[in-house]
């Protein structure tokens, strides 16, 4: 029973640290660019798009598909970088142990 109690306390500590880390990551952002910097997407650690910058030169009404492709590329890359940031921070917290369903 003593081991189980100790394990439960450790799990509670880990849960508290994870909540703190998630709050911190929500404040951190990563950005990615597409089209040589013509489109830039910024995402936070909660996987939310927080900014999107589009250079006016790329907003050509004759080629909307290209703009859509650049936006998708920038947003998807920013989301990937955000997931990588979260995975790295979680790995530090869990000592590199992969916990299913955590991230």
N, C-alpha and C. Protein backbone atom coordinates (compact mmCIF):
# COMPACT_ATOMS: atom_id res chain seq x y z
N UNK A 1 0.82 -1.19 0.00
CA UNK A 1 0.00 0.00 0.00
C UNK A 1 0.86 1.26 0.00
N UNK A 2 1.99 1.20 0.68
CA UNK A 2 2.87 2.37 0.73
C UNK A 2 3.38 2.73 -0.67
N UNK A 3 3.72 1.72 -1.46
CA UNK A 3 4.18 1.97 -2.82
C UNK A 3 3.09 2.58 -3.69
N UNK A 4 1.86 2.11 -3.51
CA UNK A 4 0.73 2.64 -4.27
C UNK A 4 0.49 4.11 -3.91
N UNK A 5 0.57 4.42 -2.64
CA UNK A 5 0.40 5.80 -2.18
C UNK A 5 1.49 6.70 -2.77
N UNK A 6 2.71 6.20 -2.76
CA UNK A 6 3.83 6.96 -3.33
C UNK A 6 3.62 7.17 -4.83
N UNK A 7 3.18 6.15 -5.52
CA UNK A 7 2.92 6.23 -6.95
C UNK A 7 1.83 7.26 -7.25
N UNK A 8 0.79 7.27 -6.44
CA UNK A 8 -0.30 8.22 -6.63
C UNK A 8 0.18 9.66 -6.42
N UNK A 9 1.04 9.87 -5.44
CA UNK A 9 1.58 11.21 -5.19
C UNK A 9 2.44 11.65 -6.36
N UNK A 10 3.24 10.74 -6.88
CA UNK A 10 4.09 11.05 -8.04
C UNK A 10 3.22 11.40 -9.25
N UNK A 11 2.14 10.66 -9.44
CA UNK A 11 1.25 10.93 -10.56
C UNK A 11 0.59 12.30 -10.42
N UNK A 12 0.23 12.67 -9.20
CA UNK A 12 -0.37 13.98 -8.96
C UNK A 12 0.64 15.10 -9.24
N UNK A 13 1.89 14.88 -8.83
CA UNK A 13 2.93 15.87 -9.10
C UNK A 13 3.13 16.04 -10.60
N UNK A 14 3.17 14.92 -11.30
CA UNK A 14 3.34 14.96 -12.75
C UNK A 14 2.18 15.69 -13.41
N UNK A 15 0.98 15.42 -12.94
CA UNK A 15 -0.20 16.07 -13.50
C UNK A 15 -0.14 17.58 -13.28
N UNK A 16 0.28 18.00 -12.11
CA UNK A 16 0.41 19.42 -11.81
C UNK A 16 1.46 20.07 -12.70
N UNK A 17 2.61 19.41 -12.85
CA UNK A 17 3.67 19.94 -13.69
C UNK A 17 3.23 20.02 -15.15
N UNK A 18 2.46 19.03 -15.59
CA UNK A 18 1.97 19.03 -16.97
C UNK A 18 1.02 20.20 -17.20
N UNK A 19 0.15 20.46 -16.24
CA UNK A 19 -0.78 21.58 -16.37
C UNK A 19 -0.02 22.90 -16.43
N UNK A 20 1.00 23.04 -15.60
CA UNK A 20 1.82 24.25 -15.61
C UNK A 20 2.53 24.42 -16.95
N UNK A 21 3.07 23.31 -17.46
CA UNK A 21 3.78 23.35 -18.72
C UNK A 21 2.84 23.69 -19.87
N UNK A 22 1.64 23.12 -19.87
CA UNK A 22 0.68 23.42 -20.92
C UNK A 22 0.29 24.89 -20.90
N UNK A 23 0.14 25.46 -19.72
CA UNK A 23 -0.18 26.88 -19.61
C UNK A 23 0.96 27.72 -20.18
N UNK A 24 2.19 27.32 -19.86
CA UNK A 24 3.36 28.04 -20.37
C UNK A 24 3.43 27.91 -21.89
N UNK A 25 3.21 26.71 -22.41
CA UNK A 25 3.29 26.50 -23.86
C UNK A 25 2.19 27.28 -24.58
N UNK A 26 1.08 27.50 -23.91
CA UNK A 26 0.02 28.30 -24.51
C UNK A 26 0.45 29.73 -24.76
N UNK A 27 1.46 30.18 -24.03
CA UNK A 27 1.98 31.53 -24.20
C UNK A 27 3.11 31.60 -25.22
N UNK A 28 3.70 30.46 -25.54
CA UNK A 28 4.81 30.43 -26.50
C UNK A 28 4.26 30.25 -27.90
N UNK A 29 4.97 30.84 -28.87
CA UNK A 29 4.53 30.73 -30.25
C UNK A 29 5.68 30.26 -31.14
N UNK A 30 5.30 29.68 -32.26
CA UNK A 30 6.23 29.32 -33.32
C UNK A 30 5.64 29.81 -34.63
N UNK A 31 6.52 30.12 -35.56
CA UNK A 31 6.07 30.63 -36.86
C UNK A 31 6.68 29.81 -37.98
N UNK A 32 6.01 29.83 -39.11
CA UNK A 32 6.53 29.18 -40.31
C UNK A 32 6.13 30.05 -41.50
N UNK A 33 6.98 30.01 -42.51
CA UNK A 33 6.75 30.81 -43.70
C UNK A 33 6.61 29.92 -44.92
N UNK A 34 5.94 30.47 -45.92
CA UNK A 34 5.82 29.80 -47.22
C UNK A 34 5.97 30.86 -48.30
N UNK A 35 6.33 30.40 -49.47
CA UNK A 35 6.48 31.33 -50.59
C UNK A 35 7.59 32.33 -50.39
N UNK A 36 8.71 31.86 -49.82
CA UNK A 36 9.84 32.76 -49.60
C UNK A 36 9.53 33.87 -48.62
N UNK A 37 8.65 33.59 -47.67
CA UNK A 37 8.31 34.58 -46.65
C UNK A 37 7.10 35.43 -47.00
N UNK A 38 6.46 35.13 -48.11
CA UNK A 38 5.30 35.91 -48.53
C UNK A 38 4.09 35.67 -47.61
N UNK A 39 4.04 34.48 -47.02
CA UNK A 39 2.97 34.14 -46.07
C UNK A 39 3.64 33.60 -44.82
N UNK A 40 3.21 34.09 -43.67
CA UNK A 40 3.75 33.62 -42.39
C UNK A 40 2.60 33.32 -41.44
N UNK A 41 2.63 32.13 -40.84
CA UNK A 41 1.62 31.72 -39.87
C UNK A 41 2.30 31.55 -38.51
N UNK A 42 1.62 32.00 -37.48
CA UNK A 42 2.11 31.87 -36.11
C UNK A 42 1.08 31.09 -35.30
N UNK A 43 1.57 30.07 -34.60
CA UNK A 43 0.72 29.17 -33.84
C UNK A 43 1.26 29.11 -32.41
N UNK A 44 0.35 28.99 -31.44
CA UNK A 44 0.81 28.85 -30.06
C UNK A 44 0.90 27.38 -29.66
N UNK A 45 1.32 27.13 -28.44
CA UNK A 45 1.50 25.77 -27.95
C UNK A 45 0.20 25.02 -27.73
N UNK A 46 -0.93 25.70 -27.87
CA UNK A 46 -2.24 25.03 -27.77
C UNK A 46 -2.77 24.68 -29.16
N UNK A 47 -1.88 24.78 -30.16
CA UNK A 47 -2.23 24.46 -31.55
C UNK A 47 -3.27 25.42 -32.11
N UNK A 48 -3.22 26.69 -31.68
CA UNK A 48 -4.15 27.70 -32.16
C UNK A 48 -3.40 28.67 -33.08
N UNK A 49 -3.98 28.97 -34.21
CA UNK A 49 -3.42 29.96 -35.11
C UNK A 49 -3.66 31.33 -34.48
N UNK A 50 -2.58 32.05 -34.17
CA UNK A 50 -2.72 33.34 -33.49
C UNK A 50 -2.39 34.51 -34.40
N UNK A 51 -1.73 34.27 -35.52
CA UNK A 51 -1.42 35.35 -36.46
C UNK A 51 -1.19 34.77 -37.85
N UNK A 52 -1.56 35.54 -38.83
CA UNK A 52 -1.34 35.17 -40.22
C UNK A 52 -0.98 36.45 -40.97
N UNK A 53 0.21 36.47 -41.56
CA UNK A 53 0.67 37.64 -42.30
C UNK A 53 0.79 37.26 -43.77
N UNK A 54 0.19 38.08 -44.63
CA UNK A 54 0.23 37.86 -46.07
C UNK A 54 0.73 39.14 -46.72
N UNK A 55 1.82 39.02 -47.47
CA UNK A 55 2.35 40.17 -48.19
C UNK A 55 1.36 40.53 -49.31
N UNK A 56 1.08 41.80 -49.48
CA UNK A 56 0.09 42.23 -50.48
C UNK A 56 0.40 41.74 -51.90
N UNK A 57 1.69 41.60 -52.24
CA UNK A 57 2.04 41.19 -53.60
C UNK A 57 1.53 39.79 -53.95
N UNK A 58 1.34 38.95 -52.95
CA UNK A 58 0.93 37.57 -53.24
C UNK A 58 -0.60 37.45 -53.33
N UNK A 59 -1.31 38.49 -52.96
CA UNK A 59 -2.78 38.47 -53.01
C UNK A 59 -3.25 38.86 -54.41
N UNK A 60 -3.05 37.96 -55.36
CA UNK A 60 -3.42 38.18 -56.75
C UNK A 60 -4.79 37.57 -57.00
N UNK A 61 -5.79 38.39 -57.33
CA UNK A 61 -7.13 37.85 -57.57
C UNK A 61 -7.18 36.86 -58.74
N UNK A 62 -6.17 36.92 -59.59
CA UNK A 62 -6.12 36.00 -60.74
C UNK A 62 -5.56 34.63 -60.35
N UNK A 63 -4.96 34.52 -59.17
CA UNK A 63 -4.35 33.25 -58.76
C UNK A 63 -4.63 32.98 -57.28
N UNK A 64 -5.89 32.89 -56.94
CA UNK A 64 -6.31 32.64 -55.55
C UNK A 64 -5.81 31.28 -55.07
N UNK A 65 -5.75 30.31 -55.95
CA UNK A 65 -5.30 28.96 -55.56
C UNK A 65 -3.88 28.98 -55.02
N UNK A 66 -3.01 29.77 -55.62
CA UNK A 66 -1.63 29.84 -55.12
C UNK A 66 -1.61 30.41 -53.70
N UNK A 67 -2.38 31.45 -53.45
CA UNK A 67 -2.45 32.03 -52.12
C UNK A 67 -2.99 31.01 -51.12
N UNK A 68 -4.01 30.29 -51.51
CA UNK A 68 -4.56 29.25 -50.62
C UNK A 68 -3.51 28.20 -50.30
N UNK A 69 -2.75 27.79 -51.32
CA UNK A 69 -1.70 26.78 -51.10
C UNK A 69 -0.62 27.31 -50.15
N UNK A 70 -0.24 28.57 -50.33
CA UNK A 70 0.78 29.15 -49.44
C UNK A 70 0.29 29.24 -48.00
N UNK A 71 -0.97 29.63 -47.84
CA UNK A 71 -1.53 29.70 -46.48
C UNK A 71 -1.55 28.32 -45.84
N UNK A 72 -2.02 27.34 -46.58
CA UNK A 72 -2.06 25.97 -46.04
C UNK A 72 -0.67 25.48 -45.66
N UNK A 73 0.30 25.74 -46.52
CA UNK A 73 1.66 25.29 -46.26
C UNK A 73 2.22 25.95 -45.00
N UNK A 74 2.02 27.25 -44.87
CA UNK A 74 2.55 27.96 -43.70
C UNK A 74 1.86 27.52 -42.41
N UNK A 75 0.54 27.39 -42.45
CA UNK A 75 -0.20 26.98 -41.25
C UNK A 75 0.17 25.56 -40.86
N UNK A 76 0.22 24.66 -41.81
CA UNK A 76 0.55 23.27 -41.48
C UNK A 76 1.96 23.15 -40.91
N UNK A 77 2.91 23.88 -41.47
CA UNK A 77 4.28 23.83 -40.94
C UNK A 77 4.34 24.43 -39.54
N UNK A 78 3.62 25.52 -39.31
CA UNK A 78 3.59 26.12 -37.97
C UNK A 78 2.98 25.15 -36.96
N UNK A 79 1.92 24.45 -37.35
CA UNK A 79 1.30 23.46 -36.47
C UNK A 79 2.28 22.32 -36.17
N UNK A 80 3.00 21.86 -37.19
CA UNK A 80 4.01 20.81 -36.97
C UNK A 80 5.07 21.28 -35.99
N UNK A 81 5.53 22.51 -36.14
CA UNK A 81 6.55 23.04 -35.22
C UNK A 81 5.99 23.17 -33.81
N UNK A 82 4.73 23.52 -33.69
CA UNK A 82 4.11 23.63 -32.37
C UNK A 82 4.02 22.25 -31.72
N UNK A 83 3.65 21.24 -32.49
CA UNK A 83 3.58 19.87 -31.95
C UNK A 83 4.97 19.39 -31.52
N UNK A 84 5.99 19.72 -32.33
CA UNK A 84 7.36 19.34 -31.98
C UNK A 84 7.79 20.03 -30.69
N UNK A 85 7.45 21.31 -30.55
CA UNK A 85 7.78 22.04 -29.34
C UNK A 85 7.13 21.38 -28.12
N UNK A 86 5.85 21.02 -28.25
CA UNK A 86 5.15 20.38 -27.15
C UNK A 86 5.76 19.02 -26.83
N UNK A 87 6.08 18.25 -27.86
CA UNK A 87 6.67 16.92 -27.63
C UNK A 87 8.02 17.03 -26.93
N UNK A 88 8.82 18.01 -27.30
CA UNK A 88 10.12 18.19 -26.65
C UNK A 88 9.95 18.56 -25.19
N UNK A 89 9.02 19.45 -24.90
CA UNK A 89 8.79 19.86 -23.52
C UNK A 89 8.21 18.71 -22.69
N UNK A 90 7.30 17.97 -23.27
CA UNK A 90 6.72 16.81 -22.57
C UNK A 90 7.79 15.76 -22.30
N UNK A 91 8.68 15.58 -23.26
CA UNK A 91 9.76 14.61 -23.09
C UNK A 91 10.65 14.98 -21.92
N UNK A 92 10.91 16.28 -21.77
CA UNK A 92 11.70 16.73 -20.62
C UNK A 92 10.98 16.41 -19.32
N UNK A 93 9.67 16.59 -19.32
CA UNK A 93 8.88 16.39 -18.12
C UNK A 93 8.77 14.91 -17.76
N UNK A 94 8.65 14.06 -18.75
CA UNK A 94 8.47 12.63 -18.50
C UNK A 94 9.77 11.86 -18.54
N UNK A 95 10.88 12.56 -18.69
CA UNK A 95 12.17 11.88 -18.75
C UNK A 95 12.33 11.06 -20.00
N UNK A 96 11.69 11.47 -21.08
CA UNK A 96 11.80 10.76 -22.35
C UNK A 96 10.86 9.58 -22.49
N UNK A 97 10.12 9.27 -21.43
CA UNK A 97 9.20 8.15 -21.47
C UNK A 97 7.97 8.53 -22.31
N UNK A 98 7.62 7.70 -23.27
CA UNK A 98 6.45 7.94 -24.12
C UNK A 98 5.21 7.43 -23.38
N UNK A 99 4.30 8.34 -23.07
CA UNK A 99 3.06 7.96 -22.39
C UNK A 99 1.92 8.07 -23.41
N UNK A 100 1.27 6.93 -23.73
CA UNK A 100 0.22 6.94 -24.73
C UNK A 100 -0.89 7.93 -24.40
N UNK A 101 -1.34 8.65 -25.43
CA UNK A 101 -2.43 9.60 -25.27
C UNK A 101 -2.02 10.93 -24.68
N UNK A 102 -0.74 11.10 -24.34
CA UNK A 102 -0.29 12.33 -23.72
C UNK A 102 -0.04 13.41 -24.76
N UNK A 103 0.57 13.02 -25.86
CA UNK A 103 0.84 13.95 -26.96
C UNK A 103 1.13 13.18 -28.20
